[in-house]
Amino acid sequence: MGLLSDLFKGLKTEEDLMEVPEEGEVKSQVNVRVEKLHDFVDVERISRLLKEGNIVFLKTAELQRKDLGEFQNSVQKLKRNCMQFGWDIAGLEEGYLILTPAFAKIERS
């Protein structure tokens, strides 16, 4: 017959067929979360949200005023995580950071 009939010769029923998910499927819905950075411990929670595919607007002004050293350590940890996992991070005015998972990139001008 042909090449296709040779390939599917061994298959007898539809139960033998298996659906293979496409690699790199993107979720049909993306959540945008607004979170606060209270202290260094929150970095793990923010990283988990990014791993789940959420885009995060992070309020940082409160921690900047309260403890500048802890704020700087937290941002450095977030930057390292972003580099490690291919996420994107950018600072916005008024004490906000935006963090995106690997499938979304921040357009800078």
PDB file of N, CA and C in Angstrom:
ATOM      1  N   MET A   1       0.822  -1.191   0.000  1.00  0.00           N
ATOM      2  CA  MET A   1       0.000   0.000   0.000  1.00  0.00           C
ATOM      3  C   MET A   1       0.864   1.251   0.000  1.00  0.00           C
ATOM      4  N   GLY A   2       1.429   1.547   1.117  1.00  0.00           N
ATOM      5  CA  GLY A   2       2.238   2.750   1.180  1.00  0.00           C
ATOM      6  C   GLY A   2       2.993   2.815   2.493  1.00  0.00           C
ATOM      7  N   LEU A   3       3.669   3.888   2.676  1.00  0.00           N
ATOM      8  CA  LEU A   3       4.475   4.079   3.868  1.00  0.00           C
ATOM      9  C   LEU A   3       3.615   4.142   5.123  1.00  0.00           C
ATOM     10  N   LEU A   4       2.494   4.869   5.080  1.00  0.00           N
ATOM     11  CA  LEU A   4       1.636   4.986   6.257  1.00  0.00           C
ATOM     12  C   LEU A   4       1.036   3.649   6.662  1.00  0.00           C
ATOM     13  N   SER A   5       0.620   2.865   5.686  1.00  0.00           N
ATOM     14  CA  SER A   5       0.043   1.564   6.040  1.00  0.00           C
ATOM     15  C   SER A   5       1.096   0.659   6.674  1.00  0.00           C
ATOM     16  N   ASP A   6       2.339   0.781   6.246  1.00  0.00           N
ATOM     17  CA  ASP A   6       3.416   0.002   6.855  1.00  0.00           C
ATOM     18  C   ASP A   6       3.670   0.442   8.299  1.00  0.00           C
ATOM     19  N   LEU A   7       3.592   1.737   8.542  1.00  0.00           N
ATOM     20  CA  LEU A   7       3.835   2.248   9.890  1.00  0.00           C
ATOM     21  C   LEU A   7       2.742   1.825  10.861  1.00  0.00           C
ATOM     22  N   PHE A   8       1.495   1.829  10.412  1.00  0.00           N
ATOM     23  CA  PHE A   8       0.373   1.547  11.302  1.00  0.00           C
ATOM     24  C   PHE A   8      -0.141   0.117  11.184  1.00  0.00           C
ATOM     25  N   LYS A   9       0.634  -0.771  10.585  1.00  0.00           N
ATOM     26  CA  LYS A   9       0.226  -2.149  10.379  1.00  0.00           C
ATOM     27  C   LYS A   9      -0.062  -2.861  11.696  1.00  0.00           C
ATOM     28  N   GLY A  10       0.739  -2.616  12.734  1.00  0.00           N
ATOM     29  CA  GLY A  10       0.593  -3.305  14.001  1.00  0.00           C
ATOM     30  C   GLY A  10      -0.555  -2.790  14.864  1.00  0.00           C
ATOM     31  N   LEU A  11      -1.086  -1.613  14.589  1.00  0.00           N
ATOM     32  CA  LEU A  11      -2.174  -1.046  15.391  1.00  0.00           C
ATOM     33  C   LEU A  11      -3.500  -1.649  14.967  1.00  0.00           C
ATOM     34  N   LYS A  12      -4.264  -2.157  15.943  1.00  0.00           N
ATOM     35  CA  LYS A  12      -5.519  -2.823  15.622  1.00  0.00           C
ATOM     36  C   LYS A  12      -6.741  -2.046  16.093  1.00  0.00           C
ATOM     37  N   THR A  13      -6.643  -1.346  17.228  1.00  0.00           N
ATOM     38  CA  THR A  13      -7.792  -0.618  17.758  1.00  0.00           C
ATOM     39  C   THR A  13      -7.379   0.783  18.140  1.00  0.00           C
ATOM     40  N   GLU A  14      -8.403   1.612  18.406  1.00  0.00           N
ATOM     41  CA  GLU A  14      -8.113   2.972  18.844  1.00  0.00           C
ATOM     42  C   GLU A  14      -7.520   2.994  20.245  1.00  0.00           C
ATOM     43  N   GLU A  15      -7.737   1.953  21.030  1.00  0.00           N
ATOM     44  CA  GLU A  15      -7.183   1.884  22.373  1.00  0.00           C
ATOM     45  C   GLU A  15      -5.666   1.792  22.341  1.00  0.00           C
ATOM     46  N   ASP A  16      -5.121   1.318  21.246  1.00  0.00           N
ATOM     47  CA  ASP A  16      -3.677   1.209  21.113  1.00  0.00           C
ATOM     48  C   ASP A  16      -3.022   2.570  20.872  1.00  0.00           C
ATOM     49  N   LEU A  17      -3.816   3.541  20.407  1.00  0.00           N
ATOM     50  CA  LEU A  17      -3.275   4.867  20.128  1.00  0.00           C
ATOM     51  C   LEU A  17      -3.165   5.664  21.411  1.00  0.00           C
ATOM     52  N   MET A  18      -2.133   6.488  21.509  1.00  0.00           N
ATOM     53  CA  MET A  18      -1.917   7.304  22.686  1.00  0.00           C
ATOM     54  C   MET A  18      -1.664   8.738  22.233  1.00  0.00           C
ATOM     55  N   GLU A  19      -2.283   9.700  22.921  1.00  0.00           N
ATOM     56  CA  GLU A  19      -2.072  11.107  22.604  1.00  0.00           C
ATOM     57  C   GLU A  19      -0.827  11.589  23.336  1.00  0.00           C
ATOM     58  N   VAL A  20       0.074  12.177  22.587  1.00  0.00           N
ATOM     59  CA  VAL A  20       1.307  12.697  23.156  1.00  0.00           C
ATOM     60  C   VAL A  20       1.172  14.217  23.263  1.00  0.00           C
ATOM     61  N   PRO A  21       1.335  14.781  24.469  1.00  0.00           N
ATOM     62  CA  PRO A  21       1.214  16.240  24.595  1.00  0.00           C
ATOM     63  C   PRO A  21       2.336  16.944  23.858  1.00  0.00           C
ATOM     64  N   GLU A  22       2.007  18.098  23.284  1.00  0.00           N
ATOM     65  CA  GLU A  22       3.019  18.873  22.576  1.00  0.00           C
ATOM     66  C   GLU A  22       4.009  19.461  23.568  1.00  0.00           C
ATOM     67  N   GLU A  23       5.245  19.497  23.158  1.00  0.00           N
ATOM     68  CA  GLU A  23       6.284  20.050  24.029  1.00  0.00           C
ATOM     69  C   GLU A  23       6.189  21.566  24.023  1.00  0.00           C
ATOM     70  N   GLY A  24       6.308  22.165  25.188  1.00  0.00           N
ATOM     71  CA  GLY A  24       6.283  23.611  25.284  1.00  0.00           C
ATOM     72  C   GLY A  24       4.894  24.211  25.186  1.00  0.00           C
ATOM     73  N   GLU A  25       3.867  23.451  25.536  1.00  0.00           N
ATOM     74  CA  GLU A  25       2.514  23.992  25.506  1.00  0.00           C
ATOM     75  C   GLU A  25       2.398  25.153  26.472  1.00  0.00           C
ATOM     76  N   VAL A  26       1.734  26.206  26.050  1.00  0.00           N
ATOM     77  CA  VAL A  26       1.536  27.378  26.880  1.00  0.00           C
ATOM     78  C   VAL A  26       0.139  27.296  27.483  1.00  0.00           C
ATOM     79  N   LYS A  27       0.028  27.665  28.748  1.00  0.00           N
ATOM     80  CA  LYS A  27      -1.253  27.653  29.410  1.00  0.00           C
ATOM     81  C   LYS A  27      -2.206  28.587  28.682  1.00  0.00           C
ATOM     82  N   SER A  28      -3.489  28.223  28.650  1.00  0.00           N
ATOM     83  CA  SER A  28      -4.456  29.058  27.969  1.00  0.00           C
ATOM     84  C   SER A  28      -4.781  30.306  28.777  1.00  0.00           C
ATOM     85  N   GLN A  29      -4.495  30.288  30.056  1.00  0.00           N
ATOM     86  CA  GLN A  29      -4.768  31.437  30.912  1.00  0.00           C
ATOM     87  C   GLN A  29      -3.515  31.753  31.718  1.00  0.00           C
ATOM     88  N   VAL A  30      -3.174  33.030  31.776  1.00  0.00           N
ATOM     89  CA  VAL A  30      -2.016  33.471  32.544  1.00  0.00           C
ATOM     90  C   VAL A  30      -2.522  34.357  33.673  1.00  0.00           C
ATOM     91  N   ASN A  31      -2.079  34.077  34.868  1.00  0.00           N
ATOM     92  CA  ASN A  31      -2.468  34.881  36.022  1.00  0.00           C
ATOM     93  C   ASN A  31      -1.433  35.960  36.272  1.00  0.00           C
ATOM     94  N   VAL A  32      -1.911  37.157  36.595  1.00  0.00           N
ATOM     95  CA  VAL A  32      -1.044  38.262  36.992  1.00  0.00           C
ATOM     96  C   VAL A  32      -1.314  38.498  38.468  1.00  0.00           C
ATOM     97  N   ARG A  33      -0.284  38.342  39.274  1.00  0.00           N
ATOM     98  CA  ARG A  33      -0.423  38.471  40.731  1.00  0.00           C
ATOM     99  C   ARG A  33       0.215  39.770  41.195  1.00  0.00           C
ATOM    100  N   VAL A  34      -0.415  40.445  42.130  1.00  0.00           N
ATOM    101  CA  VAL A  34       0.160  41.609  42.800  1.00  0.00           C
ATOM    102  C   VAL A  34       0.493  41.163  44.209  1.00  0.00           C
ATOM    103  N   GLU A  35       1.781  41.195  44.553  1.00  0.00           N
ATOM    104  CA  GLU A  35       2.264  40.700  45.837  1.00  0.00           C
ATOM    105  C   GLU A  35       3.106  41.765  46.519  1.00  0.00           C
ATOM    106  N   LYS A  36       3.299  41.605  47.823  1.00  0.00           N
ATOM    107  CA  LYS A  36       4.166  42.505  48.593  1.00  0.00           C
ATOM    108  C   LYS A  36       5.419  41.758  49.024  1.00  0.00           C
ATOM    109  N   LEU A  37       6.528  42.467  49.009  1.00  0.00           N
ATOM    110  CA  LEU A  37       7.788  41.931  49.508  1.00  0.00           C
ATOM    111  C   LEU A  37       7.985  42.500  50.911  1.00  0.00           C
ATOM    112  N   HIS A  38       7.680  41.674  51.922  1.00  0.00           N
ATOM    113  CA  HIS A  38       7.778  42.110  53.311  1.00  0.00           C
ATOM    114  C   HIS A  38       9.179  41.909  53.875  1.00  0.00           C
ATOM    115  N   ASP A  39       9.796  40.758  53.516  1.00  0.00           N
ATOM    116  CA  ASP A  39      11.149  40.468  53.982  1.00  0.00           C
ATOM    117  C   ASP A  39      11.777  39.403  53.097  1.00  0.00           C
ATOM    118  N   PHE A  40      12.994  39.010  53.422  1.00  0.00           N
ATOM    119  CA  PHE A  40      13.774  38.079  52.599  1.00  0.00           C
ATOM    120  C   PHE A  40      13.080  36.728  52.425  1.00  0.00           C
ATOM    121  N   VAL A  41      12.303  36.318  53.407  1.00  0.00           N
ATOM    122  CA  VAL A  41      11.624  35.017  53.357  1.00  0.00           C
ATOM    123  C   VAL A  41      10.625  34.959  52.201  1.00  0.00           C
ATOM    124  N   ASP A  42      10.084  36.092  51.790  1.00  0.00           N
ATOM    125  CA  ASP A  42       9.088  36.136  50.716  1.00  0.00           C
ATOM    126  C   ASP A  42       9.670  35.770  49.351  1.00  0.00           C
ATOM    127  N   VAL A  43      10.982  35.790  49.214  1.00  0.00           N
ATOM    128  CA  VAL A  43      11.613  35.476  47.929  1.00  0.00           C
ATOM    129  C   VAL A  43      11.235  34.064  47.474  1.00  0.00           C
ATOM    130  N   GLU A  44      11.197  33.104  48.378  1.00  0.00           N
ATOM    131  CA  GLU A  44      10.839  31.727  48.010  1.00  0.00           C
ATOM    132  C   GLU A  44       9.393  31.643  47.520  1.00  0.00           C
ATOM    133  N   ARG A  45       8.492  32.369  48.160  1.00  0.00           N
ATOM    134  CA  ARG A  45       7.087  32.381  47.750  1.00  0.00           C
ATOM    135  C   ARG A  45       6.941  32.989  46.352  1.00  0.00           C
ATOM    136  N   ILE A  46       7.650  34.064  46.103  1.00  0.00           N
ATOM    137  CA  ILE A  46       7.605  34.724  44.791  1.00  0.00           C
ATOM    138  C   ILE A  46       8.173  33.790  43.724  1.00  0.00           C
ATOM    139  N   SER A  47       9.257  33.110  44.025  1.00  0.00           N
ATOM    140  CA  SER A  47       9.860  32.164  43.076  1.00  0.00           C
ATOM    141  C   SER A  47       8.899  31.027  42.757  1.00  0.00           C
ATOM    142  N   ARG A  48       8.184  30.550  43.764  1.00  0.00           N
ATOM    143  CA  ARG A  48       7.210  29.477  43.541  1.00  0.00           C
ATOM    144  C   ARG A  48       6.090  29.945  42.604  1.00  0.00           C
ATOM    145  N   LEU A  49       5.636  31.175  42.793  1.00  0.00           N
ATOM    146  CA  LEU A  49       4.590  31.724  41.924  1.00  0.00           C
ATOM    147  C   LEU A  49       5.068  31.799  40.473  1.00  0.00           C
ATOM    148  N   LEU A  50       6.319  32.179  40.270  1.00  0.00           N
ATOM    149  CA  LEU A  50       6.867  32.238  38.912  1.00  0.00           C
ATOM    150  C   LEU A  50       6.999  30.846  38.306  1.00  0.00           C
ATOM    151  N   LYS A  51       7.409  29.874  39.100  1.00  0.00           N
ATOM    152  CA  LYS A  51       7.508  28.495  38.611  1.00  0.00           C
ATOM    153  C   LYS A  51       6.157  27.965  38.182  1.00  0.00           C
ATOM    154  N   GLU A  52       5.084  28.445  38.824  1.00  0.00           N
ATOM    155  CA  GLU A  52       3.725  28.040  38.466  1.00  0.00           C
ATOM    156  C   GLU A  52       3.221  28.757  37.219  1.00  0.00           C
ATOM    157  N   GLY A  53       3.991  29.724  36.687  1.00  0.00           N
ATOM    158  CA  GLY A  53       3.616  30.404  35.455  1.00  0.00           C
ATOM    159  C   GLY A  53       2.893  31.724  35.647  1.00  0.00           C
ATOM    160  N   ASN A  54       2.947  32.294  36.828  1.00  0.00           N
ATOM    161  CA  ASN A  54       2.302  33.579  37.096  1.00  0.00           C
ATOM    162  C   ASN A  54       3.237  34.734  36.753  1.00  0.00           C
ATOM    163  N   ILE A  55       2.660  35.841  36.302  1.00  0.00           N
ATOM    164  CA  ILE A  55       3.389  37.094  36.178  1.00  0.00           C
ATOM    165  C   ILE A  55       3.162  37.837  37.484  1.00  0.00           C
ATOM    166  N   VAL A  56       4.225  38.387  38.077  1.00  0.00           N
ATOM    167  CA  VAL A  56       4.127  38.974  39.412  1.00  0.00           C
ATOM    168  C   VAL A  56       4.516  40.450  39.383  1.00  0.00           C
ATOM    169  N   PHE A  57       3.593  41.315  39.850  1.00  0.00           N
ATOM    170  CA  PHE A  57       3.904  42.701  40.168  1.00  0.00           C
ATOM    171  C   PHE A  57       4.209  42.724  41.651  1.00  0.00           C
ATOM    172  N   LEU A  58       5.399  43.135  41.996  1.00  0.00           N
ATOM    173  CA  LEU A  58       5.858  43.039  43.373  1.00  0.00           C
ATOM    174  C   LEU A  58       6.030  44.434  43.979  1.00  0.00           C
ATOM    175  N   LYS A  59       5.268  44.699  45.038  1.00  0.00           N
ATOM    176  CA  LYS A  59       5.387  45.968  45.761  1.00  0.00           C
ATOM    177  C   LYS A  59       6.578  45.871  46.707  1.00  0.00           C
ATOM    178  N   THR A  60       7.514  46.811  46.575  1.00  0.00           N
ATOM    179  CA  THR A  60       8.727  46.746  47.385  1.00  0.00           C
ATOM    180  C   THR A  60       8.954  47.995  48.227  1.00  0.00           C
ATOM    181  N   ALA A  61       8.150  49.020  48.061  1.00  0.00           N
ATOM    182  CA  ALA A  61       8.402  50.314  48.706  1.00  0.00           C
ATOM    183  C   ALA A  61       8.447  50.202  50.228  1.00  0.00           C
ATOM    184  N   GLU A  62       7.588  49.388  50.805  1.00  0.00           N
ATOM    185  CA  GLU A  62       7.548  49.245  52.268  1.00  0.00           C
ATOM    186  C   GLU A  62       8.865  48.681  52.806  1.00  0.00           C
ATOM    187  N   LEU A  63       9.384  47.635  52.163  1.00  0.00           N
ATOM    188  CA  LEU A  63      10.647  47.048  52.617  1.00  0.00           C
ATOM    189  C   LEU A  63      11.818  48.000  52.353  1.00  0.00           C
ATOM    190  N   GLN A  64      11.767  48.758  51.254  1.00  0.00           N
ATOM    191  CA  GLN A  64      12.825  49.730  50.981  1.00  0.00           C
ATOM    192  C   GLN A  64      12.932  50.750  52.109  1.00  0.00           C
ATOM    193  N   ARG A  65      11.789  51.218  52.585  1.00  0.00           N
ATOM    194  CA  ARG A  65      11.796  52.205  53.671  1.00  0.00           C
ATOM    195  C   ARG A  65      12.201  51.577  55.002  1.00  0.00           C
ATOM    196  N   LYS A  66      11.750  50.342  55.241  1.00  0.00           N
ATOM    197  CA  LYS A  66      11.974  49.693  56.530  1.00  0.00           C
ATOM    198  C   LYS A  66      13.423  49.233  56.701  1.00  0.00           C
ATOM    199  N   ASP A  67      13.960  48.511  55.699  1.00  0.00           N
ATOM    200  CA  ASP A  67      15.298  47.926  55.830  1.00  0.00           C
ATOM    201  C   ASP A  67      15.932  47.821  54.442  1.00  0.00           C
ATOM    202  N   LEU A  68      16.733  48.815  54.089  1.00  0.00           N
ATOM    203  CA  LEU A  68      17.329  48.869  52.756  1.00  0.00           C
ATOM    204  C   LEU A  68      18.253  47.685  52.488  1.00  0.00           C
ATOM    205  N   GLY A  69      18.999  47.232  53.484  1.00  0.00           N
ATOM    206  CA  GLY A  69      19.909  46.090  53.308  1.00  0.00           C
ATOM    207  C   GLY A  69      19.150  44.810  52.981  1.00  0.00           C
ATOM    208  N   GLU A  70      18.075  44.546  53.695  1.00  0.00           N
ATOM    209  CA  GLU A  70      17.276  43.345  53.432  1.00  0.00           C
ATOM    210  C   GLU A  70      16.598  43.439  52.064  1.00  0.00           C
ATOM    211  N   PHE A  71      16.186  44.649  51.697  1.00  0.00           N
ATOM    212  CA  PHE A  71      15.611  44.857  50.362  1.00  0.00           C
ATOM    213  C   PHE A  71      16.630  44.513  49.280  1.00  0.00           C
ATOM    214  N   GLN A  72      17.849  45.002  49.418  1.00  0.00           N
ATOM    215  CA  GLN A  72      18.889  44.736  48.427  1.00  0.00           C
ATOM    216  C   GLN A  72      19.216  43.248  48.342  1.00  0.00           C
ATOM    217  N   ASN A  73      19.293  42.575  49.493  1.00  0.00           N
ATOM    218  CA  ASN A  73      19.553  41.127  49.501  1.00  0.00           C
ATOM    219  C   ASN A  73      18.414  40.369  48.808  1.00  0.00           C
ATOM    220  N   SER A  74      17.188  40.781  49.054  1.00  0.00           N
ATOM    221  CA  SER A  74      16.028  40.124  48.456  1.00  0.00           C
ATOM    222  C   SER A  74      16.028  40.286  46.941  1.00  0.00           C
ATOM    223  N   VAL A  75      16.317  41.488  46.477  1.00  0.00           N
ATOM    224  CA  VAL A  75      16.343  41.744  45.036  1.00  0.00           C
ATOM    225  C   VAL A  75      17.484  40.963  44.378  1.00  0.00           C
ATOM    226  N   GLN A  76      18.639  40.891  45.025  1.00  0.00           N
ATOM    227  CA  GLN A  76      19.755  40.118  44.477  1.00  0.00           C
ATOM    228  C   GLN A  76      19.394  38.639  44.356  1.00  0.00           C
ATOM    229  N   LYS A  77      18.720  38.103  45.365  1.00  0.00           N
ATOM    230  CA  LYS A  77      18.280  36.701  45.328  1.00  0.00           C
ATOM    231  C   LYS A  77      17.272  36.488  44.197  1.00  0.00           C
ATOM    232  N   LEU A  78      16.336  37.419  44.029  1.00  0.00           N
ATOM    233  CA  LEU A  78      15.374  37.325  42.932  1.00  0.00           C
ATOM    234  C   LEU A  78      16.084  37.376  41.577  1.00  0.00           C
ATOM    235  N   LYS A  79      17.077  38.253  41.443  1.00  0.00           N
ATOM    236  CA  LYS A  79      17.831  38.341  40.187  1.00  0.00           C
ATOM    237  C   LYS A  79      18.561  37.034  39.882  1.00  0.00           C
ATOM    238  N   ARG A  80      19.176  36.441  40.908  1.00  0.00           N
ATOM    239  CA  ARG A  80      19.873  35.151  40.710  1.00  0.00           C
ATOM    240  C   ARG A  80      18.892  34.068  40.278  1.00  0.00           C
ATOM    241  N   ASN A  81      17.722  34.017  40.910  1.00  0.00           N
ATOM    242  CA  ASN A  81      16.703  33.031  40.532  1.00  0.00           C
ATOM    243  C   ASN A  81      16.241  33.264  39.095  1.00  0.00           C
ATOM    244  N   CYS A  82      16.063  34.532  38.713  1.00  0.00           N
ATOM    245  CA  CYS A  82      15.638  34.849  37.346  1.00  0.00           C
ATOM    246  C   CYS A  82      16.678  34.395  36.328  1.00  0.00           C
ATOM    247  N   MET A  83      17.932  34.625  36.615  1.00  0.00           N
ATOM    248  CA  MET A  83      18.991  34.182  35.701  1.00  0.00           C
ATOM    249  C   MET A  83      19.032  32.663  35.612  1.00  0.00           C
ATOM    250  N   GLN A  84      18.857  31.985  36.730  1.00  0.00           N
ATOM    251  CA  GLN A  84      18.931  30.529  36.772  1.00  0.00           C
ATOM    252  C   GLN A  84      17.802  29.875  35.978  1.00  0.00           C
ATOM    253  N   PHE A  85      16.592  30.408  36.077  1.00  0.00           N
ATOM    254  CA  PHE A  85      15.435  29.766  35.463  1.00  0.00           C
ATOM    255  C   PHE A  85      14.984  30.422  34.162  1.00  0.00           C
ATOM    256  N   GLY A  86      15.672  31.476  33.704  1.00  0.00           N
ATOM    257  CA  GLY A  86      15.311  32.130  32.453  1.00  0.00           C
ATOM    258  C   GLY A  86      14.118  33.065  32.576  1.00  0.00           C
ATOM    259  N   TRP A  87      13.858  33.543  33.778  1.00  0.00           N
ATOM    260  CA  TRP A  87      12.766  34.490  33.993  1.00  0.00           C
ATOM    261  C   TRP A  87      13.272  35.886  33.680  1.00  0.00           C
ATOM    262  N   ASP A  88      12.351  36.850  33.667  1.00  0.00           N
ATOM    263  CA  ASP A  88      12.727  38.232  33.406  1.00  0.00           C
ATOM    264  C   ASP A  88      12.295  39.096  34.586  1.00  0.00           C
ATOM    265  N   ILE A  89      13.079  40.127  34.897  1.00  0.00           N
ATOM    266  CA  ILE A  89      12.789  41.012  36.017  1.00  0.00           C
ATOM    267  C   ILE A  89      13.111  42.440  35.595  1.00  0.00           C
ATOM    268  N   ALA A  90      12.263  43.381  36.015  1.00  0.00           N
ATOM    269  CA  ALA A  90      12.502  44.789  35.727  1.00  0.00           C
ATOM    270  C   ALA A  90      11.938  45.627  36.858  1.00  0.00           C
ATOM    271  N   GLY A  91      12.624  46.724  37.166  1.00  0.00           N
ATOM    272  CA  GLY A  91      12.158  47.656  38.178  1.00  0.00           C
ATOM    273  C   GLY A  91      11.267  48.710  37.552  1.00  0.00           C
ATOM    274  N   LEU A  92      10.207  49.058  38.242  1.00  0.00           N
ATOM    275  CA  LEU A  92       9.289  50.089  37.789  1.00  0.00           C
ATOM    276  C   LEU A  92       9.331  51.260  38.769  1.00  0.00           C
ATOM    277  N   GLU A  93       8.702  52.347  38.400  1.00  0.00           N
ATOM    278  CA  GLU A  93       8.634  53.490  39.299  1.00  0.00           C
ATOM    279  C   GLU A  93       7.778  53.164  40.505  1.00  0.00           C
ATOM    280  N   GLU A  94       7.902  53.982  41.524  1.00  0.00           N
ATOM    281  CA  GLU A  94       7.077  53.878  42.725  1.00  0.00           C
ATOM    282  C   GLU A  94       7.293  52.590  43.520  1.00  0.00           C
ATOM    283  N   GLY A  95       8.468  51.976  43.423  1.00  0.00           N
ATOM    284  CA  GLY A  95       8.788  50.828  44.251  1.00  0.00           C
ATOM    285  C   GLY A  95       8.146  49.521  43.832  1.00  0.00           C
ATOM    286  N   TYR A  96       8.014  49.267  42.536  1.00  0.00           N
ATOM    287  CA  TYR A  96       7.465  48.010  42.035  1.00  0.00           C
ATOM    288  C   TYR A  96       8.520  47.278  41.224  1.00  0.00           C
ATOM    289  N   LEU A  97       8.465  45.968  41.263  1.00  0.00           N
ATOM    290  CA  LEU A  97       9.223  45.112  40.362  1.00  0.00           C
ATOM    291  C   LEU A  97       8.211  44.290  39.578  1.00  0.00           C
ATOM    292  N   ILE A  98       8.539  43.974  38.335  1.00  0.00           N
ATOM    293  CA  ILE A  98       7.717  43.034  37.577  1.00  0.00           C
ATOM    294  C   ILE A  98       8.601  41.841  37.248  1.00  0.00           C
ATOM    295  N   LEU A  99       8.055  40.648  37.498  1.00  0.00           N
ATOM    296  CA  LEU A  99       8.780  39.402  37.243  1.00  0.00           C
ATOM    297  C   LEU A  99       7.913  38.533  36.355  1.00  0.00           C
ATOM    298  N   THR A 100       8.507  37.978  35.308  1.00  0.00           N
ATOM    299  CA  THR A 100       7.756  37.141  34.375  1.00  0.00           C
ATOM    300  C   THR A 100       8.430  35.784  34.219  1.00  0.00           C
ATOM    301  N   PRO A 101       7.636  34.731  33.998  1.00  0.00           N
ATOM    302  CA  PRO A 101       8.219  33.416  33.716  1.00  0.00           C
ATOM    303  C   PRO A 101       8.885  33.396  32.341  1.00  0.00           C
ATOM    304  N   ALA A 102       9.481  32.291  31.998  1.00  0.00           N
ATOM    305  CA  ALA A 102      10.291  32.188  30.783  1.00  0.00           C
ATOM    306  C   ALA A 102       9.497  32.455  29.497  1.00  0.00           C
ATOM    307  N   PHE A 103       8.204  32.158  29.476  1.00  0.00           N
ATOM    308  CA  PHE A 103       7.432  32.330  28.236  1.00  0.00           C
ATOM    309  C   PHE A 103       7.063  33.786  27.957  1.00  0.00           C
ATOM    310  N   ALA A 104       7.267  34.697  28.922  1.00  0.00           N
ATOM    311  CA  ALA A 104       6.942  36.112  28.740  1.00  0.00           C
ATOM    312  C   ALA A 104       8.197  36.950  28.944  1.00  0.00           C
ATOM    313  N   LYS A 105       8.446  37.857  28.055  1.00  0.00           N
ATOM    314  CA  LYS A 105       9.615  38.738  28.150  1.00  0.00           C
ATOM    315  C   LYS A 105       9.141  40.173  28.323  1.00  0.00           C
ATOM    316  N   ILE A 106       9.900  40.958  29.049  1.00  0.00           N
ATOM    317  CA  ILE A 106       9.598  42.365  29.285  1.00  0.00           C
ATOM    318  C   ILE A 106      10.248  43.182  28.184  1.00  0.00           C
ATOM    319  N   GLU A 107       9.453  43.993  27.489  1.00  0.00           N
ATOM    320  CA  GLU A 107       9.956  44.859  26.426  1.00  0.00           C
ATOM    321  C   GLU A 107      10.483  46.139  27.071  1.00  0.00           C
ATOM    322  N   ARG A 108      11.750  46.399  26.883  1.00  0.00           N
ATOM    323  CA  ARG A 108      12.365  47.586  27.467  1.00  0.00           C
ATOM    324  C   ARG A 108      12.578  48.633  26.372  1.00  0.00           C
ATOM    325  N   SER A 109      12.368  49.909  26.745  1.00  0.00           N
ATOM    326  CA  SER A 109      12.567  50.970  25.744  1.00  0.00           C
ATOM    327  C   SER A 109      13.669  51.905  26.170  1.00  0.00           C
TER     328      SER A 109
END
